[in-house]
Amino acid sequence: MRASAEERLYARWPALVDRYFESGFESLEPRDRIFFLVFHLLSQIDDGGLEQYFCNEGGQYADRAAEALDSVGCNAAASRLRKAISQFPDGRIPEDEAERNQVVDQLPDDALAVWDAVSESIGGDTDSILERLDAFLAPSHHTVNKAQ
């Protein structure tokens, strides 16, 4: 029996996280960056929603996560994530985690309500997002794209 997209991605995740912590995000190959951005976003949403995502280390990459969602063909999810990002003052996410947490603590309740709605919406699409991410990461996807 063939493993599911989720199983294949979960099997790849620990090695990617190790490389991330050993060498940093910028050291990852472009495909691995997309994997990291999308999978980390989904994991954080599943674990505690966008508030948790934005308050933790990965929140600094939210703009890039939206681009990564676009890259794997999840444009609606990318648009929803951008709506959540727009709740930050001037739509700017502080890179520094402590500063970001201070900003989050001062956001109005309606901004947090938007985050909750977006978390629920993206979280409800997790299976389809994982399928698209898995297809994007498949070697045949890149062989076809390179040939064009």
N, C-alpha and C. Protein backbone atom coordinates (compact mmCIF):
# COMPACT_ATOMS: atom_id res chain seq x y z
N MET A 1 0.84 -1.19 0.00
CA MET A 1 0.00 0.00 0.00
C MET A 1 0.88 1.25 0.00
N ARG A 2 0.54 2.20 -0.84
CA ARG A 2 1.31 3.44 -0.98
C ARG A 2 1.02 4.37 0.20
N ALA A 3 2.06 4.99 0.70
CA ALA A 3 1.90 5.93 1.82
C ALA A 3 1.13 7.16 1.36
N SER A 4 0.40 7.77 2.27
CA SER A 4 -0.35 8.98 1.96
C SER A 4 0.61 10.17 1.88
N ALA A 5 0.12 11.26 1.31
CA ALA A 5 0.92 12.48 1.23
C ALA A 5 1.37 12.89 2.62
N GLU A 6 0.44 12.85 3.57
CA GLU A 6 0.77 13.25 4.94
C GLU A 6 1.88 12.37 5.51
N GLU A 7 1.80 11.06 5.29
CA GLU A 7 2.83 10.16 5.80
C GLU A 7 4.18 10.43 5.16
N ARG A 8 4.19 10.66 3.86
CA ARG A 8 5.46 10.95 3.17
C ARG A 8 6.07 12.25 3.68
N LEU A 9 5.24 13.26 3.86
CA LEU A 9 5.75 14.54 4.33
C LEU A 9 6.24 14.45 5.77
N TYR A 10 5.48 13.77 6.63
CA TYR A 10 5.92 13.61 8.01
C TYR A 10 7.24 12.84 8.09
N ALA A 11 7.45 11.90 7.18
CA ALA A 11 8.70 11.13 7.17
C ALA A 11 9.89 12.02 6.81
N ARG A 12 9.68 13.02 5.98
CA ARG A 12 10.75 13.92 5.55
C ARG A 12 11.02 15.06 6.53
N TRP A 13 10.04 15.38 7.35
CA TRP A 13 10.08 16.57 8.20
C TRP A 13 11.25 16.60 9.19
N PRO A 14 11.53 15.53 9.96
CA PRO A 14 12.60 15.61 10.97
C PRO A 14 13.97 15.98 10.39
N ALA A 15 14.33 15.41 9.25
CA ALA A 15 15.63 15.72 8.65
C ALA A 15 15.68 17.18 8.20
N LEU A 16 14.58 17.68 7.69
CA LEU A 16 14.54 19.08 7.27
C LEU A 16 14.67 20.02 8.47
N VAL A 17 13.98 19.71 9.54
CA VAL A 17 14.07 20.53 10.75
C VAL A 17 15.51 20.52 11.29
N ASP A 18 16.15 19.35 11.26
CA ASP A 18 17.55 19.28 11.69
C ASP A 18 18.43 20.21 10.86
N ARG A 19 18.26 20.19 9.54
CA ARG A 19 19.06 21.06 8.67
C ARG A 19 18.75 22.53 8.95
N TYR A 20 17.48 22.83 9.21
CA TYR A 20 17.09 24.21 9.53
C TYR A 20 17.81 24.69 10.78
N PHE A 21 17.79 23.88 11.85
CA PHE A 21 18.43 24.30 13.09
C PHE A 21 19.95 24.27 13.02
N GLU A 22 20.51 23.41 12.19
CA GLU A 22 21.97 23.35 12.06
C GLU A 22 22.53 24.51 11.24
N SER A 23 21.83 24.86 10.15
CA SER A 23 22.41 25.81 9.20
C SER A 23 21.55 27.03 8.90
N GLY A 24 20.31 27.03 9.35
CA GLY A 24 19.45 28.18 9.12
C GLY A 24 18.58 28.05 7.88
N PHE A 25 17.56 28.86 7.85
CA PHE A 25 16.57 28.81 6.78
C PHE A 25 17.19 29.08 5.40
N GLU A 26 18.03 30.07 5.32
CA GLU A 26 18.60 30.46 4.02
C GLU A 26 19.48 29.38 3.42
N SER A 27 19.97 28.45 4.25
CA SER A 27 20.82 27.38 3.74
C SER A 27 20.01 26.28 3.06
N LEU A 28 18.71 26.27 3.26
CA LEU A 28 17.88 25.23 2.66
C LEU A 28 17.74 25.46 1.16
N GLU A 29 17.62 24.37 0.42
CA GLU A 29 17.35 24.46 -1.02
C GLU A 29 15.97 25.09 -1.21
N PRO A 30 15.73 25.75 -2.33
CA PRO A 30 14.44 26.40 -2.56
C PRO A 30 13.22 25.48 -2.36
N ARG A 31 13.28 24.26 -2.87
CA ARG A 31 12.15 23.33 -2.66
C ARG A 31 11.96 23.03 -1.18
N ASP A 32 13.07 22.87 -0.45
CA ASP A 32 12.98 22.57 0.98
C ASP A 32 12.46 23.77 1.77
N ARG A 33 12.77 24.97 1.30
CA ARG A 33 12.21 26.17 1.95
C ARG A 33 10.69 26.17 1.82
N ILE A 34 10.20 25.86 0.63
CA ILE A 34 8.75 25.81 0.42
C ILE A 34 8.14 24.74 1.31
N PHE A 35 8.76 23.58 1.37
CA PHE A 35 8.28 22.50 2.25
C PHE A 35 8.24 23.00 3.69
N PHE A 36 9.34 23.58 4.14
CA PHE A 36 9.41 24.06 5.52
C PHE A 36 8.31 25.08 5.80
N LEU A 37 8.17 26.06 4.93
CA LEU A 37 7.21 27.14 5.15
C LEU A 37 5.77 26.64 5.22
N VAL A 38 5.39 25.80 4.29
CA VAL A 38 4.01 25.31 4.24
C VAL A 38 3.74 24.32 5.38
N PHE A 39 4.64 23.38 5.57
CA PHE A 39 4.41 22.35 6.58
C PHE A 39 4.44 22.94 7.99
N HIS A 40 5.36 23.86 8.21
CA HIS A 40 5.43 24.50 9.53
C HIS A 40 4.16 25.31 9.81
N LEU A 41 3.71 26.06 8.82
CA LEU A 41 2.47 26.82 8.98
C LEU A 41 1.31 25.89 9.35
N LEU A 42 1.15 24.81 8.60
CA LEU A 42 0.05 23.88 8.88
C LEU A 42 0.18 23.24 10.25
N SER A 43 1.40 22.90 10.63
CA SER A 43 1.62 22.29 11.96
C SER A 43 1.25 23.25 13.08
N GLN A 44 1.63 24.51 12.93
CA GLN A 44 1.32 25.50 13.95
C GLN A 44 -0.18 25.79 14.01
N ILE A 45 -0.82 25.87 12.85
CA ILE A 45 -2.26 26.08 12.84
C ILE A 45 -2.97 24.92 13.51
N ASP A 46 -2.52 23.70 13.22
CA ASP A 46 -3.13 22.52 13.83
C ASP A 46 -2.91 22.49 15.33
N ASP A 47 -1.76 22.96 15.77
CA ASP A 47 -1.41 22.90 17.19
C ASP A 47 -2.01 24.03 18.02
N GLY A 48 -2.11 25.23 17.44
CA GLY A 48 -2.60 26.35 18.26
C GLY A 48 -3.13 27.53 17.47
N GLY A 49 -3.25 27.38 16.16
CA GLY A 49 -3.79 28.45 15.34
C GLY A 49 -2.74 29.48 14.95
N LEU A 50 -3.21 30.48 14.21
CA LEU A 50 -2.30 31.51 13.71
C LEU A 50 -1.69 32.35 14.82
N GLU A 51 -2.39 32.51 15.91
CA GLU A 51 -1.78 33.28 17.00
C GLU A 51 -0.50 32.61 17.47
N GLN A 52 -0.55 31.30 17.62
CA GLN A 52 0.66 30.56 18.01
C GLN A 52 1.73 30.69 16.92
N TYR A 53 1.32 30.54 15.67
CA TYR A 53 2.26 30.65 14.56
C TYR A 53 2.97 32.00 14.56
N PHE A 54 2.19 33.07 14.64
CA PHE A 54 2.78 34.40 14.60
C PHE A 54 3.65 34.70 15.81
N CYS A 55 3.33 34.12 16.96
CA CYS A 55 4.08 34.39 18.18
C CYS A 55 5.37 33.59 18.29
N ASN A 56 5.49 32.53 17.50
CA ASN A 56 6.68 31.70 17.55
C ASN A 56 7.65 32.07 16.43
N GLU A 57 8.78 31.40 16.42
CA GLU A 57 9.86 31.70 15.48
C GLU A 57 9.39 31.73 14.03
N GLY A 58 8.56 30.81 13.64
CA GLY A 58 8.12 30.73 12.25
C GLY A 58 7.32 31.91 11.77
N GLY A 59 6.73 32.67 12.69
CA GLY A 59 5.92 33.81 12.30
C GLY A 59 6.64 34.85 11.47
N GLN A 60 7.96 34.90 11.63
CA GLN A 60 8.75 35.86 10.85
C GLN A 60 8.73 35.53 9.36
N TYR A 61 8.35 34.29 9.03
CA TYR A 61 8.34 33.85 7.65
C TYR A 61 6.94 33.85 7.03
N ALA A 62 5.98 34.47 7.66
CA ALA A 62 4.60 34.39 7.18
C ALA A 62 4.43 34.90 5.75
N ASP A 63 5.08 36.00 5.41
CA ASP A 63 4.98 36.50 4.03
C ASP A 63 5.52 35.46 3.05
N ARG A 64 6.62 34.85 3.42
CA ARG A 64 7.20 33.81 2.56
C ARG A 64 6.31 32.57 2.52
N ALA A 65 5.63 32.28 3.63
CA ALA A 65 4.72 31.14 3.64
C ALA A 65 3.57 31.36 2.66
N ALA A 66 3.08 32.59 2.58
CA ALA A 66 2.02 32.89 1.60
C ALA A 66 2.55 32.67 0.18
N GLU A 67 3.76 33.09 -0.09
CA GLU A 67 4.37 32.86 -1.40
C GLU A 67 4.53 31.37 -1.66
N ALA A 68 4.92 30.63 -0.64
CA ALA A 68 5.09 29.18 -0.78
C ALA A 68 3.76 28.50 -1.09
N LEU A 69 2.70 28.94 -0.42
CA LEU A 69 1.37 28.39 -0.72
C LEU A 69 1.01 28.65 -2.19
N ASP A 70 1.30 29.85 -2.67
CA ASP A 70 1.08 30.14 -4.09
C ASP A 70 1.89 29.20 -4.97
N SER A 71 3.13 28.94 -4.58
CA SER A 71 4.03 28.10 -5.38
C SER A 71 3.51 26.68 -5.54
N VAL A 72 2.80 26.18 -4.55
CA VAL A 72 2.27 24.82 -4.64
C VAL A 72 0.84 24.79 -5.15
N GLY A 73 0.33 25.95 -5.56
CA GLY A 73 -1.01 26.01 -6.15
C GLY A 73 -2.14 26.18 -5.16
N CYS A 74 -1.83 26.63 -3.96
CA CYS A 74 -2.85 26.85 -2.93
C CYS A 74 -3.11 28.35 -2.79
N ASN A 75 -3.58 28.94 -3.88
CA ASN A 75 -3.74 30.39 -3.95
C ASN A 75 -4.79 30.91 -2.96
N ALA A 76 -5.87 30.16 -2.76
CA ALA A 76 -6.91 30.61 -1.83
C ALA A 76 -6.36 30.65 -0.40
N ALA A 77 -5.60 29.62 -0.03
CA ALA A 77 -4.99 29.59 1.31
C ALA A 77 -3.98 30.73 1.44
N ALA A 78 -3.22 31.00 0.39
CA ALA A 78 -2.26 32.10 0.41
C ALA A 78 -2.97 33.43 0.62
N SER A 79 -4.08 33.60 -0.06
CA SER A 79 -4.86 34.83 0.08
C SER A 79 -5.39 34.99 1.50
N ARG A 80 -5.85 33.89 2.07
CA ARG A 80 -6.36 33.95 3.46
C ARG A 80 -5.24 34.27 4.43
N LEU A 81 -4.06 33.69 4.21
CA LEU A 81 -2.93 33.99 5.08
C LEU A 81 -2.55 35.47 4.97
N ARG A 82 -2.58 36.00 3.77
CA ARG A 82 -2.29 37.43 3.59
C ARG A 82 -3.32 38.30 4.32
N LYS A 83 -4.56 37.86 4.35
CA LYS A 83 -5.59 38.59 5.10
C LYS A 83 -5.22 38.60 6.59
N ALA A 84 -4.74 37.47 7.10
CA ALA A 84 -4.32 37.40 8.50
C ALA A 84 -3.11 38.32 8.74
N ILE A 85 -2.17 38.31 7.82
CA ILE A 85 -0.98 39.16 7.95
C ILE A 85 -1.38 40.64 7.97
N SER A 86 -2.40 40.98 7.22
CA SER A 86 -2.83 42.38 7.13
C SER A 86 -3.37 42.91 8.45
N GLN A 87 -3.59 42.05 9.42
CA GLN A 87 -4.06 42.48 10.74
C GLN A 87 -2.96 43.12 11.56
N PHE A 88 -1.69 42.89 11.17
CA PHE A 88 -0.58 43.57 11.83
C PHE A 88 -0.61 45.04 11.42
N PRO A 89 -0.18 45.93 12.30
CA PRO A 89 -0.12 47.35 11.93
C PRO A 89 0.68 47.52 10.64
N ASP A 90 0.10 48.22 9.71
CA ASP A 90 0.70 48.46 8.39
C ASP A 90 0.96 47.16 7.62
N GLY A 91 0.35 46.05 8.05
CA GLY A 91 0.55 44.77 7.38
C GLY A 91 1.98 44.26 7.46
N ARG A 92 2.72 44.77 8.44
CA ARG A 92 4.14 44.42 8.61
C ARG A 92 4.32 43.54 9.83
N ILE A 93 4.94 42.39 9.64
CA ILE A 93 5.21 41.47 10.74
C ILE A 93 6.62 41.75 11.25
N PRO A 94 6.77 42.12 12.52
CA PRO A 94 8.12 42.32 13.05
C PRO A 94 8.93 41.03 12.96
N GLU A 95 10.16 41.15 12.51
CA GLU A 95 11.02 39.98 12.39
C GLU A 95 11.42 39.46 13.77
N ASP A 96 11.67 40.37 14.69
CA ASP A 96 12.08 39.99 16.04
C ASP A 96 10.90 39.38 16.79
N GLU A 97 11.11 38.20 17.34
CA GLU A 97 10.03 37.47 18.01
C GLU A 97 9.46 38.22 19.21
N ALA A 98 10.32 38.82 20.02
CA ALA A 98 9.83 39.56 21.20
C ALA A 98 8.99 40.76 20.77
N GLU A 99 9.46 41.49 19.77
CA GLU A 99 8.70 42.63 19.26
C GLU A 99 7.37 42.17 18.66
N ARG A 100 7.43 41.06 17.92
CA ARG A 100 6.21 40.51 17.31
C ARG A 100 5.19 40.15 18.39
N ASN A 101 5.65 39.56 19.48
CA ASN A 101 4.75 39.19 20.57
C ASN A 101 4.13 40.41 21.24
N GLN A 102 4.90 41.48 21.37
CA GLN A 102 4.35 42.72 21.93
C GLN A 102 3.25 43.28 21.03
N VAL A 103 3.48 43.24 19.73
CA VAL A 103 2.47 43.72 18.78
C VAL A 103 1.22 42.86 18.86
N VAL A 104 1.40 41.54 18.91
CA VAL A 104 0.25 40.62 18.99
C VAL A 104 -0.56 40.90 20.25
N ASP A 105 0.13 41.14 21.35
CA ASP A 105 -0.56 41.41 22.62
C ASP A 105 -1.43 42.67 22.55
N GLN A 106 -1.10 43.57 21.65
CA GLN A 106 -1.83 44.84 21.54
C GLN A 106 -2.88 44.85 20.42
N LEU A 107 -2.97 43.76 19.68
CA LEU A 107 -3.95 43.72 18.59
C LEU A 107 -5.38 43.71 19.14
N PRO A 108 -6.30 44.36 18.43
CA PRO A 108 -7.70 44.35 18.88
C PRO A 108 -8.33 42.97 18.70
N ASP A 109 -9.40 42.73 19.42
CA ASP A 109 -10.09 41.45 19.36
C ASP A 109 -10.56 41.09 17.96
N ASP A 110 -10.96 42.10 17.16
CA ASP A 110 -11.43 41.78 15.82
C ASP A 110 -10.30 41.24 14.94
N ALA A 111 -9.06 41.67 15.17
CA ALA A 111 -7.92 41.11 14.43
C ALA A 111 -7.72 39.65 14.81
N LEU A 112 -7.83 39.36 16.09
CA LEU A 112 -7.68 37.96 16.54
C LEU A 112 -8.82 37.10 16.01
N ALA A 113 -10.01 37.69 15.87
CA ALA A 113 -11.13 36.95 15.30
C ALA A 113 -10.86 36.60 13.83
N VAL A 114 -10.23 37.52 13.11
CA VAL A 114 -9.84 37.22 11.73
C VAL A 114 -8.85 36.06 11.72
N TRP A 115 -7.87 36.10 12.62
CA TRP A 115 -6.90 35.01 12.69
C TRP A 115 -7.58 33.68 12.98
N ASP A 116 -8.55 33.69 13.89
CA ASP A 116 -9.27 32.45 14.21
C ASP A 116 -10.00 31.91 12.98
N ALA A 117 -10.66 32.81 12.25
CA ALA A 117 -11.40 32.39 11.06
C ALA A 117 -10.45 31.85 9.99
N VAL A 118 -9.32 32.52 9.81
CA VAL A 118 -8.35 32.07 8.82
C VAL A 118 -7.73 30.74 9.26
N SER A 119 -7.44 30.61 10.54
CA SER A 119 -6.91 29.34 11.06
C SER A 119 -7.86 28.20 10.76
N GLU A 120 -9.13 28.43 11.03
CA GLU A 120 -10.14 27.39 10.79
C GLU A 120 -10.24 27.06 9.30
N SER A 121 -10.20 28.08 8.48
CA SER A 121 -10.32 27.88 7.04
C SER A 121 -9.12 27.13 6.46
N ILE A 122 -7.93 27.58 6.78
CA ILE A 122 -6.73 26.89 6.28
C ILE A 122 -6.63 25.51 6.91
N GLY A 123 -6.91 25.41 8.20
CA GLY A 123 -6.87 24.11 8.85
C GLY A 123 -7.83 23.11 8.23
N GLY A 124 -8.98 23.59 7.77
CA GLY A 124 -9.95 22.73 7.11
C GLY A 124 -9.49 22.25 5.75
N ASP A 125 -8.51 22.94 5.17
CA ASP A 125 -7.97 22.57 3.87
C ASP A 125 -6.64 21.81 3.97
N THR A 126 -6.26 21.41 5.18
CA THR A 126 -4.95 20.80 5.38
C THR A 126 -4.70 19.62 4.45
N ASP A 127 -5.65 18.73 4.31
CA ASP A 127 -5.42 17.54 3.47
C ASP A 127 -5.12 17.92 2.03
N SER A 128 -5.89 18.85 1.48
CA SER A 128 -5.65 19.24 0.08
C SER A 128 -4.34 20.00 -0.06
N ILE A 129 -3.99 20.80 0.93
CA ILE A 129 -2.71 21.53 0.89
C ILE A 129 -1.56 20.54 0.95
N LEU A 130 -1.66 19.53 1.81
CA LEU A 130 -0.61 18.52 1.91
C LEU A 130 -0.48 17.74 0.60
N GLU A 131 -1.60 17.44 -0.04
CA GLU A 131 -1.56 16.73 -1.33
C GLU A 131 -0.82 17.57 -2.36
N ARG A 132 -1.12 18.86 -2.41
CA ARG A 132 -0.45 19.74 -3.38
C ARG A 132 1.03 19.90 -3.05
N LEU A 133 1.35 20.01 -1.77
CA LEU A 133 2.75 20.12 -1.36
C LEU A 133 3.50 18.85 -1.74
N ASP A 134 2.91 17.70 -1.48
CA ASP A 134 3.54 16.43 -1.81
C ASP A 134 3.77 16.32 -3.32
N ALA A 135 2.78 16.71 -4.11
CA ALA A 135 2.92 16.67 -5.57
C ALA A 135 4.02 17.63 -6.03
N PHE A 136 4.09 18.79 -5.41
CA PHE A 136 5.12 19.77 -5.74
C PHE A 136 6.51 19.22 -5.47
N LEU A 137 6.65 18.49 -4.38
CA LEU A 137 7.95 17.97 -3.98
C LEU A 137 8.35 16.69 -4.73
N ALA A 138 7.39 16.07 -5.42
CA ALA A 138 7.67 14.83 -6.14
C ALA A 138 8.72 15.08 -7.22
N PRO A 139 9.69 14.17 -7.34
CA PRO A 139 10.74 14.36 -8.36
C PRO A 139 10.18 14.54 -9.77
N SER A 140 9.11 13.87 -10.11
CA SER A 140 8.56 13.98 -11.47
C SER A 140 8.05 15.39 -11.74
N HIS A 141 7.58 16.08 -10.72
CA HIS A 141 7.09 17.47 -10.89
C HIS A 141 8.23 18.36 -11.38
N HIS A 142 9.39 18.19 -10.81
CA HIS A 142 10.51 19.06 -11.15
C HIS A 142 11.18 18.65 -12.45
N THR A 143 11.13 17.37 -12.78
CA THR A 143 11.66 16.90 -14.04
C THR A 143 10.85 17.49 -15.19
N VAL A 144 9.53 17.48 -15.05
CA VAL A 144 8.66 18.04 -16.08
C VAL A 144 8.88 19.55 -16.19
N ASN A 145 8.94 20.23 -15.06
CA ASN A 145 9.12 21.68 -15.08
C ASN A 145 10.46 22.08 -15.68
N LYS A 146 11.51 21.32 -15.41
CA LYS A 146 12.83 21.66 -15.95
C LYS A 146 12.87 21.44 -17.46
N ALA A 147 12.09 20.47 -17.96
CA ALA A 147 12.08 20.16 -19.38
C ALA A 147 11.34 21.23 -20.18
N GLN A 148 10.51 22.03 -19.53
CA GLN A 148 9.72 23.03 -20.25
C GLN A 148 10.50 24.28 -20.53
